[in-house]
Amino acid sequence: MEPKKQTTDPRILRTRQLIRDAFVELLQEMDIEKLSVNKIAEKATINRVTFYLHYRDIPDMLEKMADEMIAHIERIVGEAPEDPNADSEARWQAMVSLLEHIAEQSKFYKVVLASKRTPIFTDRLLQLLTKMMETRVEAMKNDSYLIKAGVREDIATWYFSAALIGTIVAWLRKDMPYTPQFLAKQFSLLLPQYSDKET
């Protein structure tokens, strides 16, 4: 028998969503240092006691929100298995899924990544993108591009993951002028070994 999956009470999810929405709205109006539990609770139409049932304080709230963000993204990306022998679009399906998620939650990501950069969210996303790019760089190992250029794997990973998060932030700041599919395809073409294979 399989163990039952634990499900979170819908009321808890609803309250956390209210708190998250209040946090995003307040962050559009003020710097994070000026946020208080009182302001968040008032905006979320809950009382302070309810806030403290979910989070110890604002740093704990940010930590847990960042954990939830990464867990959600990992689930989305994990549901998009990639075939290294497929064409470019299929190979980059996880990236498309990630960008689609960011587009769907653009209000949140515009605030925490693009306008009022909140280090905990940026750092966690960069860690996740670095893991994704490590896999790509690993796959590039036998490709002549890296070998001929003498690029070290760790440096290539830092470069591509930093470039990717920078691209996502710029895309959000410009109000997402391109579809997730188009942006993922463009990013794939910037990696020489992928564009070489398609010519």
N, C-alpha and C. Protein backbone atom coordinates (compact mmCIF):
# COMPACT_ATOMS: atom_id res chain seq x y z
N MET A 1 0.83 -1.21 0.00
CA MET A 1 0.00 0.00 0.00
C MET A 1 0.86 1.26 0.00
N GLU A 2 0.48 2.20 -0.85
CA GLU A 2 1.22 3.46 -0.91
C GLU A 2 0.79 4.36 0.23
N PRO A 3 1.76 5.10 0.84
CA PRO A 3 1.37 6.02 1.90
C PRO A 3 0.52 7.15 1.34
N LYS A 4 -0.44 7.59 2.13
CA LYS A 4 -1.31 8.69 1.68
C LYS A 4 -0.51 9.98 1.59
N LYS A 5 -0.77 10.74 0.55
CA LYS A 5 -0.13 12.04 0.42
C LYS A 5 -0.76 13.00 1.42
N GLN A 6 0.11 13.75 2.09
CA GLN A 6 -0.41 14.74 3.02
C GLN A 6 -0.93 15.94 2.25
N THR A 7 -2.14 16.35 2.58
CA THR A 7 -2.68 17.52 1.91
C THR A 7 -2.83 18.63 2.93
N THR A 8 -2.55 19.84 2.48
CA THR A 8 -2.66 20.99 3.36
C THR A 8 -4.11 21.47 3.36
N ASP A 9 -4.59 21.81 4.53
CA ASP A 9 -5.95 22.33 4.69
C ASP A 9 -6.15 23.53 3.75
N PRO A 10 -7.22 23.51 2.95
CA PRO A 10 -7.46 24.62 2.01
C PRO A 10 -7.51 25.99 2.70
N ARG A 11 -7.97 26.02 3.95
CA ARG A 11 -8.02 27.30 4.68
C ARG A 11 -6.63 27.85 4.93
N ILE A 12 -5.69 26.93 5.21
CA ILE A 12 -4.30 27.34 5.42
C ILE A 12 -3.73 27.90 4.12
N LEU A 13 -3.99 27.20 3.02
CA LEU A 13 -3.51 27.67 1.71
C LEU A 13 -4.10 29.02 1.36
N ARG A 14 -5.40 29.19 1.66
CA ARG A 14 -6.07 30.45 1.36
C ARG A 14 -5.47 31.60 2.17
N THR A 15 -5.21 31.34 3.45
CA THR A 15 -4.63 32.39 4.31
C THR A 15 -3.22 32.74 3.85
N ARG A 16 -2.44 31.72 3.51
CA ARG A 16 -1.07 32.00 3.03
C ARG A 16 -1.09 32.78 1.73
N GLN A 17 -2.08 32.50 0.87
CA GLN A 17 -2.20 33.24 -0.38
C GLN A 17 -2.56 34.70 -0.10
N LEU A 18 -3.44 34.93 0.87
CA LEU A 18 -3.79 36.30 1.27
C LEU A 18 -2.55 37.05 1.77
N ILE A 19 -1.75 36.36 2.58
CA ILE A 19 -0.52 36.98 3.11
C ILE A 19 0.46 37.27 1.98
N ARG A 20 0.61 36.32 1.08
CA ARG A 20 1.53 36.51 -0.06
C ARG A 20 1.07 37.67 -0.94
N ASP A 21 -0.23 37.73 -1.24
CA ASP A 21 -0.76 38.82 -2.06
C ASP A 21 -0.55 40.17 -1.38
N ALA A 22 -0.77 40.19 -0.06
CA ALA A 22 -0.57 41.44 0.71
C ALA A 22 0.90 41.85 0.67
N PHE A 23 1.79 40.88 0.82
CA PHE A 23 3.23 41.14 0.77
C PHE A 23 3.61 41.75 -0.58
N VAL A 24 3.12 41.18 -1.67
CA VAL A 24 3.45 41.67 -3.01
C VAL A 24 2.92 43.09 -3.21
N GLU A 25 1.67 43.33 -2.81
CA GLU A 25 1.09 44.67 -2.96
C GLU A 25 1.84 45.71 -2.15
N LEU A 26 2.19 45.37 -0.92
CA LEU A 26 2.93 46.32 -0.07
C LEU A 26 4.32 46.58 -0.60
N LEU A 27 4.94 45.53 -1.15
CA LEU A 27 6.30 45.68 -1.68
C LEU A 27 6.32 46.59 -2.92
N GLN A 28 5.18 46.69 -3.61
CA GLN A 28 5.08 47.62 -4.74
C GLN A 28 5.06 49.07 -4.26
N GLU A 29 4.62 49.25 -3.01
CA GLU A 29 4.46 50.60 -2.46
C GLU A 29 5.64 51.06 -1.60
N MET A 30 6.38 50.10 -1.02
CA MET A 30 7.43 50.49 -0.07
C MET A 30 8.59 49.50 -0.09
N ASP A 31 9.71 49.90 0.52
CA ASP A 31 10.86 49.02 0.63
C ASP A 31 10.59 47.93 1.66
N ILE A 32 11.25 46.82 1.49
CA ILE A 32 11.01 45.67 2.37
C ILE A 32 11.31 45.98 3.83
N GLU A 33 12.28 46.88 4.06
CA GLU A 33 12.65 47.24 5.43
C GLU A 33 11.50 47.93 6.17
N LYS A 34 10.58 48.53 5.41
CA LYS A 34 9.46 49.26 6.03
C LYS A 34 8.24 48.37 6.27
N LEU A 35 8.32 47.12 5.81
CA LEU A 35 7.19 46.21 6.02
C LEU A 35 7.11 45.82 7.49
N SER A 36 5.88 45.65 7.97
CA SER A 36 5.68 45.17 9.33
C SER A 36 4.59 44.11 9.31
N VAL A 37 4.57 43.31 10.36
CA VAL A 37 3.52 42.29 10.48
C VAL A 37 2.15 42.95 10.50
N ASN A 38 2.05 44.07 11.20
CA ASN A 38 0.78 44.81 11.26
C ASN A 38 0.28 45.20 9.87
N LYS A 39 1.20 45.76 9.06
CA LYS A 39 0.82 46.21 7.72
C LYS A 39 0.39 45.03 6.85
N ILE A 40 1.14 43.94 6.94
CA ILE A 40 0.81 42.76 6.14
C ILE A 40 -0.54 42.19 6.56
N ALA A 41 -0.74 42.06 7.88
CA ALA A 41 -2.00 41.50 8.40
C ALA A 41 -3.19 42.37 7.99
N GLU A 42 -3.01 43.67 8.11
CA GLU A 42 -4.10 44.60 7.75
C GLU A 42 -4.44 44.48 6.26
N LYS A 43 -3.41 44.46 5.42
CA LYS A 43 -3.62 44.36 3.97
C LYS A 43 -4.25 43.02 3.60
N ALA A 44 -3.87 41.97 4.34
CA ALA A 44 -4.39 40.63 4.05
C ALA A 44 -5.76 40.39 4.68
N THR A 45 -6.25 41.38 5.40
CA THR A 45 -7.54 41.30 6.12
C THR A 45 -7.58 40.10 7.09
N ILE A 46 -6.47 39.95 7.80
CA ILE A 46 -6.40 38.94 8.87
C ILE A 46 -5.87 39.66 10.12
N ASN A 47 -5.87 38.98 11.25
CA ASN A 47 -5.28 39.62 12.42
C ASN A 47 -3.86 39.12 12.65
N ARG A 48 -3.12 39.80 13.52
CA ARG A 48 -1.72 39.46 13.78
C ARG A 48 -1.56 38.01 14.27
N VAL A 49 -2.51 37.59 15.09
CA VAL A 49 -2.44 36.23 15.64
C VAL A 49 -2.46 35.21 14.51
N THR A 50 -3.30 35.45 13.51
CA THR A 50 -3.38 34.54 12.35
C THR A 50 -2.04 34.51 11.61
N PHE A 51 -1.43 35.68 11.43
CA PHE A 51 -0.11 35.74 10.78
C PHE A 51 0.87 34.84 11.53
N TYR A 52 0.90 34.99 12.87
CA TYR A 52 1.86 34.24 13.69
C TYR A 52 1.56 32.74 13.77
N LEU A 53 0.37 32.33 13.36
CA LEU A 53 0.08 30.90 13.26
C LEU A 53 0.82 30.28 12.08
N HIS A 54 1.18 31.13 11.11
CA HIS A 54 1.84 30.65 9.89
C HIS A 54 3.33 30.94 9.87
N TYR A 55 3.73 32.10 10.39
CA TYR A 55 5.13 32.52 10.33
C TYR A 55 5.58 33.12 11.66
N ARG A 56 6.86 32.90 12.00
CA ARG A 56 7.40 33.48 13.24
C ARG A 56 7.53 34.99 13.13
N ASP A 57 7.98 35.44 11.96
CA ASP A 57 8.22 36.87 11.72
C ASP A 57 8.37 37.06 10.22
N ILE A 58 8.73 38.27 9.79
CA ILE A 58 8.86 38.54 8.35
C ILE A 58 10.00 37.74 7.71
N PRO A 59 11.20 37.66 8.33
CA PRO A 59 12.25 36.83 7.72
C PRO A 59 11.82 35.36 7.53
N ASP A 60 11.08 34.83 8.52
CA ASP A 60 10.58 33.45 8.41
C ASP A 60 9.58 33.34 7.26
N MET A 61 8.73 34.35 7.11
CA MET A 61 7.76 34.38 6.01
C MET A 61 8.49 34.37 4.66
N LEU A 62 9.52 35.19 4.53
CA LEU A 62 10.28 35.26 3.28
C LEU A 62 10.95 33.92 2.98
N GLU A 63 11.53 33.32 4.02
CA GLU A 63 12.20 32.02 3.87
C GLU A 63 11.22 30.97 3.38
N LYS A 64 10.05 30.92 4.00
CA LYS A 64 9.06 29.90 3.64
C LYS A 64 8.46 30.17 2.26
N MET A 65 8.26 31.45 1.91
CA MET A 65 7.76 31.79 0.57
C MET A 65 8.78 31.39 -0.50
N ALA A 66 10.06 31.61 -0.20
CA ALA A 66 11.11 31.24 -1.15
C ALA A 66 11.16 29.72 -1.31
N ASP A 67 11.01 28.99 -0.19
CA ASP A 67 10.97 27.52 -0.25
C ASP A 67 9.81 27.05 -1.11
N GLU A 68 8.64 27.66 -0.90
CA GLU A 68 7.44 27.28 -1.68
C GLU A 68 7.65 27.58 -3.16
N MET A 69 8.25 28.74 -3.45
CA MET A 69 8.50 29.13 -4.84
C MET A 69 9.38 28.09 -5.53
N ILE A 70 10.48 27.70 -4.87
CA ILE A 70 11.42 26.75 -5.47
C ILE A 70 10.79 25.36 -5.60
N ALA A 71 10.05 24.93 -4.56
CA ALA A 71 9.39 23.62 -4.62
C ALA A 71 8.40 23.57 -5.78
N HIS A 72 7.68 24.68 -5.98
CA HIS A 72 6.70 24.76 -7.06
C HIS A 72 7.40 24.71 -8.42
N ILE A 73 8.47 25.47 -8.56
CA ILE A 73 9.21 25.50 -9.84
C ILE A 73 9.82 24.13 -10.12
N GLU A 74 10.40 23.51 -9.08
CA GLU A 74 11.02 22.18 -9.28
C GLU A 74 9.98 21.16 -9.74
N ARG A 75 8.77 21.27 -9.19
CA ARG A 75 7.70 20.36 -9.58
C ARG A 75 7.33 20.58 -11.05
N ILE A 76 7.20 21.84 -11.44
CA ILE A 76 6.84 22.19 -12.83
C ILE A 76 7.93 21.73 -13.80
N VAL A 77 9.17 22.04 -13.48
CA VAL A 77 10.29 21.69 -14.35
C VAL A 77 10.46 20.17 -14.41
N GLY A 78 10.24 19.51 -13.27
CA GLY A 78 10.37 18.06 -13.20
C GLY A 78 9.33 17.32 -14.03
N GLU A 79 8.21 17.98 -14.29
CA GLU A 79 7.15 17.37 -15.09
C GLU A 79 7.39 17.51 -16.59
N ALA A 80 8.51 18.14 -16.94
CA ALA A 80 8.83 18.35 -18.36
C ALA A 80 10.12 17.61 -18.70
N PRO A 81 10.07 16.26 -18.76
CA PRO A 81 11.30 15.51 -19.07
C PRO A 81 11.83 15.88 -20.45
N GLU A 82 13.15 15.94 -20.54
CA GLU A 82 13.76 16.36 -21.80
C GLU A 82 14.58 15.25 -22.42
N ASP A 83 14.47 15.13 -23.73
CA ASP A 83 15.22 14.14 -24.48
C ASP A 83 16.40 14.85 -25.15
N PRO A 84 17.65 14.53 -24.74
CA PRO A 84 18.80 15.22 -25.32
C PRO A 84 18.93 15.02 -26.83
N ASN A 85 18.28 13.98 -27.37
CA ASN A 85 18.35 13.73 -28.82
C ASN A 85 17.21 14.38 -29.59
N ALA A 86 16.29 15.02 -28.86
CA ALA A 86 15.15 15.66 -29.52
C ALA A 86 15.58 16.98 -30.14
N ASP A 87 14.64 17.62 -30.85
CA ASP A 87 14.98 18.91 -31.43
C ASP A 87 15.06 19.96 -30.32
N SER A 88 15.49 21.16 -30.71
CA SER A 88 15.76 22.21 -29.73
C SER A 88 14.56 22.52 -28.84
N GLU A 89 13.37 22.61 -29.44
CA GLU A 89 12.19 22.98 -28.66
C GLU A 89 11.86 21.93 -27.60
N ALA A 90 11.97 20.66 -27.97
CA ALA A 90 11.69 19.59 -27.02
C ALA A 90 12.75 19.55 -25.92
N ARG A 91 14.01 19.80 -26.30
CA ARG A 91 15.10 19.78 -25.32
C ARG A 91 14.91 20.88 -24.29
N TRP A 92 14.28 21.96 -24.68
CA TRP A 92 14.14 23.10 -23.78
C TRP A 92 12.75 23.19 -23.16
N GLN A 93 12.01 22.07 -23.13
CA GLN A 93 10.65 22.10 -22.59
C GLN A 93 10.61 22.53 -21.12
N ALA A 94 11.62 22.11 -20.33
CA ALA A 94 11.66 22.51 -18.92
C ALA A 94 11.79 24.03 -18.80
N MET A 95 12.59 24.62 -19.69
CA MET A 95 12.76 26.08 -19.69
C MET A 95 11.45 26.77 -20.07
N VAL A 96 10.76 26.23 -21.05
CA VAL A 96 9.46 26.78 -21.46
C VAL A 96 8.49 26.72 -20.28
N SER A 97 8.46 25.58 -19.60
CA SER A 97 7.56 25.41 -18.45
C SER A 97 7.89 26.41 -17.35
N LEU A 98 9.17 26.63 -17.11
CA LEU A 98 9.60 27.61 -16.10
C LEU A 98 9.13 29.01 -16.48
N LEU A 99 9.35 29.40 -17.74
CA LEU A 99 8.96 30.73 -18.19
C LEU A 99 7.44 30.91 -18.21
N GLU A 100 6.72 29.85 -18.54
CA GLU A 100 5.25 29.91 -18.51
C GLU A 100 4.76 30.15 -17.09
N HIS A 101 5.39 29.46 -16.14
CA HIS A 101 5.03 29.65 -14.73
C HIS A 101 5.30 31.09 -14.29
N ILE A 102 6.45 31.62 -14.67
CA ILE A 102 6.80 33.00 -14.30
C ILE A 102 5.81 33.98 -14.93
N ALA A 103 5.41 33.72 -16.17
CA ALA A 103 4.43 34.59 -16.85
C ALA A 103 3.08 34.54 -16.14
N GLU A 104 2.67 33.33 -15.71
CA GLU A 104 1.38 33.19 -15.02
C GLU A 104 1.39 33.90 -13.66
N GLN A 105 2.55 33.90 -13.02
CA GLN A 105 2.69 34.54 -11.69
C GLN A 105 3.49 35.85 -11.82
N SER A 106 3.28 36.54 -12.94
CA SER A 106 4.14 37.70 -13.24
C SER A 106 4.07 38.81 -12.20
N LYS A 107 2.92 39.01 -11.59
CA LYS A 107 2.81 40.07 -10.58
C LYS A 107 3.81 39.82 -9.44
N PHE A 108 3.85 38.57 -8.98
CA PHE A 108 4.77 38.20 -7.90
C PHE A 108 6.22 38.34 -8.36
N TYR A 109 6.56 37.76 -9.52
CA TYR A 109 7.95 37.76 -9.97
C TYR A 109 8.44 39.15 -10.37
N LYS A 110 7.54 39.97 -10.91
CA LYS A 110 7.94 41.34 -11.27
C LYS A 110 8.40 42.10 -10.02
N VAL A 111 7.70 41.85 -8.91
CA VAL A 111 8.04 42.55 -7.68
C VAL A 111 9.32 41.98 -7.06
N VAL A 112 9.35 40.66 -6.85
CA VAL A 112 10.47 40.09 -6.10
C VAL A 112 11.77 39.95 -6.90
N LEU A 113 11.66 39.92 -8.24
CA LEU A 113 12.87 39.78 -9.06
C LEU A 113 13.22 41.05 -9.83
N ALA A 114 12.22 41.72 -10.37
CA ALA A 114 12.50 42.78 -11.34
C ALA A 114 12.45 44.20 -10.80
N SER A 115 11.55 44.49 -9.86
CA SER A 115 11.47 45.88 -9.41
C SER A 115 12.07 46.07 -8.02
N LYS A 116 11.49 45.40 -7.01
CA LYS A 116 12.03 45.49 -5.65
C LYS A 116 12.82 44.22 -5.39
N ARG A 117 13.96 44.10 -5.99
CA ARG A 117 14.70 42.83 -5.90
C ARG A 117 14.87 42.39 -4.46
N THR A 118 14.35 41.21 -4.18
CA THR A 118 14.41 40.66 -2.84
C THR A 118 15.44 39.53 -2.88
N PRO A 119 16.61 39.74 -2.28
CA PRO A 119 17.72 38.80 -2.45
C PRO A 119 17.37 37.34 -2.23
N ILE A 120 16.56 37.03 -1.24
CA ILE A 120 16.27 35.62 -0.95
C ILE A 120 15.63 34.91 -2.15
N PHE A 121 14.74 35.60 -2.87
CA PHE A 121 14.07 34.99 -4.03
C PHE A 121 15.04 34.90 -5.22
N THR A 122 15.81 35.97 -5.44
CA THR A 122 16.78 35.98 -6.54
C THR A 122 17.84 34.90 -6.32
N ASP A 123 18.35 34.81 -5.09
CA ASP A 123 19.40 33.83 -4.79
C ASP A 123 18.90 32.40 -4.96
N ARG A 124 17.68 32.13 -4.46
CA ARG A 124 17.13 30.78 -4.57
C ARG A 124 16.90 30.39 -6.02
N LEU A 125 16.38 31.35 -6.81
CA LEU A 125 16.13 31.05 -8.23
C LEU A 125 17.45 30.83 -8.95
N LEU A 126 18.47 31.64 -8.61
CA LEU A 126 19.78 31.47 -9.25
C LEU A 126 20.37 30.10 -8.92
N GLN A 127 20.20 29.64 -7.68
CA GLN A 127 20.68 28.30 -7.30
C GLN A 127 20.00 27.23 -8.16
N LEU A 128 18.69 27.38 -8.35
CA LEU A 128 17.94 26.40 -9.14
C LEU A 128 18.39 26.43 -10.61
N LEU A 129 18.55 27.64 -11.16
CA LEU A 129 18.99 27.77 -12.56
C LEU A 129 20.40 27.22 -12.73
N THR A 130 21.23 27.40 -11.71
CA THR A 130 22.60 26.88 -11.77
C THR A 130 22.57 25.36 -11.86
N LYS A 131 21.69 24.73 -11.08
CA LYS A 131 21.55 23.26 -11.15
C LYS A 131 21.11 22.83 -12.55
N MET A 132 20.14 23.58 -13.11
CA MET A 132 19.66 23.27 -14.46
C MET A 132 20.79 23.40 -15.48
N MET A 133 21.57 24.48 -15.36
CA MET A 133 22.64 24.72 -16.33
C MET A 133 23.80 23.74 -16.15
N GLU A 134 24.01 23.26 -14.92
CA GLU A 134 25.05 22.24 -14.70
C GLU A 134 24.77 21.01 -15.56
N THR A 135 23.49 20.63 -15.60
CA THR A 135 23.08 19.48 -16.42
C THR A 135 23.38 19.74 -17.89
N ARG A 136 23.08 20.96 -18.34
CA ARG A 136 23.32 21.32 -19.75
C ARG A 136 24.81 21.30 -20.07
N VAL A 137 25.60 21.91 -19.16
CA VAL A 137 27.04 21.99 -19.39
C VAL A 137 27.65 20.59 -19.38
N GLU A 138 27.14 19.73 -18.49
CA GLU A 138 27.60 18.34 -18.44
C GLU A 138 27.36 17.66 -19.79
N ALA A 139 26.20 17.92 -20.38
CA ALA A 139 25.86 17.33 -21.68
C ALA A 139 26.74 17.90 -22.79
N MET A 140 27.25 19.11 -22.59
CA MET A 140 28.09 19.76 -23.61
C MET A 140 29.54 19.27 -23.56
N LYS A 141 29.89 18.51 -22.52
CA LYS A 141 31.28 18.15 -22.25
C LYS A 141 32.03 17.64 -23.48
N ASN A 142 31.41 16.75 -24.23
CA ASN A 142 32.09 16.17 -25.39
C ASN A 142 31.94 17.02 -26.65
N ASP A 143 31.26 18.15 -26.51
CA ASP A 143 31.06 19.01 -27.68
C ASP A 143 32.33 19.80 -27.97
N SER A 144 32.66 19.94 -29.23
CA SER A 144 33.92 20.59 -29.61
C SER A 144 33.98 22.05 -29.16
N TYR A 145 32.83 22.70 -29.04
CA TYR A 145 32.82 24.12 -28.67
C TYR A 145 33.53 24.36 -27.34
N LEU A 146 33.14 23.62 -26.30
CA LEU A 146 33.77 23.82 -24.99
C LEU A 146 35.21 23.33 -24.99
N ILE A 147 35.44 22.20 -25.63
CA ILE A 147 36.79 21.62 -25.63
C ILE A 147 37.77 22.55 -26.35
N LYS A 148 37.38 23.00 -27.54
CA LYS A 148 38.27 23.88 -28.31
C LYS A 148 38.52 25.21 -27.62
N ALA A 149 37.48 25.74 -26.99
CA ALA A 149 37.62 27.04 -26.32
C ALA A 149 38.35 26.92 -24.99
N GLY A 150 38.42 25.70 -24.45
CA GLY A 150 39.10 25.51 -23.17
C GLY A 150 38.31 26.09 -21.99
N VAL A 151 36.99 26.12 -22.13
CA VAL A 151 36.14 26.68 -21.05
C VAL A 151 35.94 25.64 -19.96
N ARG A 152 36.19 26.05 -18.72
CA ARG A 152 35.98 25.14 -17.59
C ARG A 152 34.47 24.99 -17.34
N GLU A 153 34.07 23.80 -16.90
CA GLU A 153 32.65 23.53 -16.68
C GLU A 153 32.02 24.47 -15.65
N ASP A 154 32.74 24.71 -14.54
CA ASP A 154 32.14 25.57 -13.50
C ASP A 154 31.95 27.00 -14.01
N ILE A 155 32.91 27.49 -14.79
CA ILE A 155 32.80 28.86 -15.32
C ILE A 155 31.64 28.94 -16.33
N ALA A 156 31.52 27.92 -17.17
CA ALA A 156 30.41 27.89 -18.14
C ALA A 156 29.07 27.88 -17.41
N THR A 157 28.98 27.11 -16.33
CA THR A 157 27.74 27.04 -15.55
C THR A 157 27.40 28.40 -14.94
N TRP A 158 28.41 29.04 -14.32
CA TRP A 158 28.17 30.38 -13.73
C TRP A 158 27.68 31.35 -14.81
N TYR A 159 28.35 31.30 -15.95
CA TYR A 159 28.03 32.24 -17.03
C TYR A 159 26.60 32.06 -17.54
N PHE A 160 26.25 30.81 -17.87
CA PHE A 160 24.93 30.56 -18.45
C PHE A 160 23.80 30.81 -17.44
N SER A 161 24.00 30.43 -16.17
CA SER A 161 22.94 30.63 -15.18
C SER A 161 22.75 32.12 -14.88
N ALA A 162 23.86 32.88 -14.80
CA ALA A 162 23.76 34.32 -14.58
C ALA A 162 23.10 35.01 -15.78
N ALA A 163 23.46 34.55 -16.99
CA ALA A 163 22.86 35.11 -18.21
C ALA A 163 21.36 34.82 -18.24
N LEU A 164 20.98 33.62 -17.82
CA LEU A 164 19.58 33.24 -17.85
C LEU A 164 18.75 34.05 -16.87
N ILE A 165 19.23 34.21 -15.63
CA ILE A 165 18.45 34.98 -14.66
C ILE A 165 18.39 36.45 -15.10
N GLY A 166 19.47 36.94 -15.69
CA GLY A 166 19.47 38.32 -16.20
C GLY A 166 18.46 38.50 -17.33
N THR A 167 18.35 37.49 -18.18
CA THR A 167 17.39 37.52 -19.28
C THR A 167 15.96 37.50 -18.74
N ILE A 168 15.70 36.67 -17.75
CA ILE A 168 14.35 36.59 -17.15
C ILE A 168 13.97 37.91 -16.51
N VAL A 169 14.91 38.52 -15.78
CA VAL A 169 14.64 39.81 -15.12
C VAL A 169 14.35 40.88 -16.16
N ALA A 170 15.16 40.94 -17.22
CA ALA A 170 14.94 41.94 -18.28
C ALA A 170 13.60 41.71 -18.96
N TRP A 171 13.25 40.46 -19.21
CA TRP A 171 11.97 40.10 -19.84
C TRP A 171 10.80 40.58 -18.97
N LEU A 172 10.90 40.39 -17.66
CA LEU A 172 9.85 40.86 -16.75
C LEU A 172 9.76 42.38 -16.74
N ARG A 173 10.92 43.04 -16.70
CA ARG A 173 10.94 44.51 -16.65
C ARG A 173 10.35 45.13 -17.92
N LYS A 174 10.48 44.40 -19.03
CA LYS A 174 9.94 44.90 -20.30
C LYS A 174 8.50 44.43 -20.54
N ASP A 175 7.85 43.92 -19.47
CA ASP A 175 6.47 43.42 -19.55
C ASP A 175 6.31 42.24 -20.50
N MET A 176 7.31 41.36 -20.49
CA MET A 176 7.26 40.08 -21.22
C MET A 176 6.81 40.24 -22.68
N PRO A 177 7.63 40.94 -23.49
CA PRO A 177 7.23 41.17 -24.89
C PRO A 177 7.27 39.92 -25.77
N TYR A 178 7.89 38.84 -25.30
CA TYR A 178 7.98 37.60 -26.06
C TYR A 178 7.32 36.46 -25.30
N THR A 179 6.83 35.48 -26.03
CA THR A 179 6.21 34.32 -25.39
C THR A 179 7.30 33.48 -24.71
N PRO A 180 6.92 32.69 -23.69
CA PRO A 180 7.90 31.79 -23.07
C PRO A 180 8.58 30.87 -24.08
N GLN A 181 7.81 30.37 -25.07
CA GLN A 181 8.38 29.47 -26.08
C GLN A 181 9.45 30.17 -26.90
N PHE A 182 9.14 31.41 -27.33
CA PHE A 182 10.08 32.16 -28.16
C PHE A 182 11.35 32.50 -27.37
N LEU A 183 11.17 32.91 -26.11
CA LEU A 183 12.32 33.28 -25.29
C LEU A 183 13.22 32.07 -25.02
N ALA A 184 12.62 30.92 -24.73
CA ALA A 184 13.40 29.70 -24.49
C ALA A 184 14.19 29.32 -25.75
N LYS A 185 13.53 29.44 -26.89
CA LYS A 185 14.18 29.12 -28.18
C LYS A 185 15.35 30.06 -28.43
N GLN A 186 15.14 31.36 -28.19
CA GLN A 186 16.21 32.35 -28.39
C GLN A 186 17.39 32.06 -27.48
N PHE A 187 17.09 31.72 -26.22
CA PHE A 187 18.17 31.43 -25.28
C PHE A 187 18.95 30.20 -25.73
N SER A 188 18.23 29.20 -26.24
CA SER A 188 18.91 27.98 -26.70
C SER A 188 19.85 28.29 -27.86
N LEU A 189 19.46 29.25 -28.71
CA LEU A 189 20.30 29.61 -29.86
C LEU A 189 21.57 30.35 -29.45
N LEU A 190 21.55 30.91 -28.24
CA LEU A 190 22.74 31.61 -27.74
C LEU A 190 23.82 30.63 -27.26
N LEU A 191 23.44 29.38 -27.09
CA LEU A 191 24.41 28.35 -26.70
C LEU A 191 24.94 27.71 -27.98
N PRO A 192 26.19 27.98 -28.33
CA PRO A 192 26.71 27.57 -29.64
C PRO A 192 26.49 26.12 -30.01
N GLN A 193 26.63 25.19 -29.05
CA GLN A 193 26.52 23.79 -29.46
C GLN A 193 25.12 23.43 -29.87
N TYR A 194 24.09 24.16 -29.36
CA TYR A 194 22.73 23.87 -29.78
C TYR A 194 22.46 24.45 -31.17
N SER A 195 22.89 25.70 -31.39
CA SER A 195 22.65 26.31 -32.70
C SER A 195 23.44 25.60 -33.80
N ASP A 196 24.67 25.11 -33.44
CA ASP A 196 25.48 24.38 -34.43
C ASP A 196 24.78 23.12 -34.90
N LYS A 197 24.11 22.44 -33.95
CA LYS A 197 23.46 21.18 -34.30
C LYS A 197 22.28 21.38 -35.21
N GLU A 198 21.76 22.59 -35.21
CA GLU A 198 20.55 22.82 -35.99
C GLU A 198 20.82 23.44 -37.35
N THR A 199 22.07 23.76 -37.61
CA THR A 199 22.36 24.35 -38.91
C THR A 199 22.79 23.26 -39.89
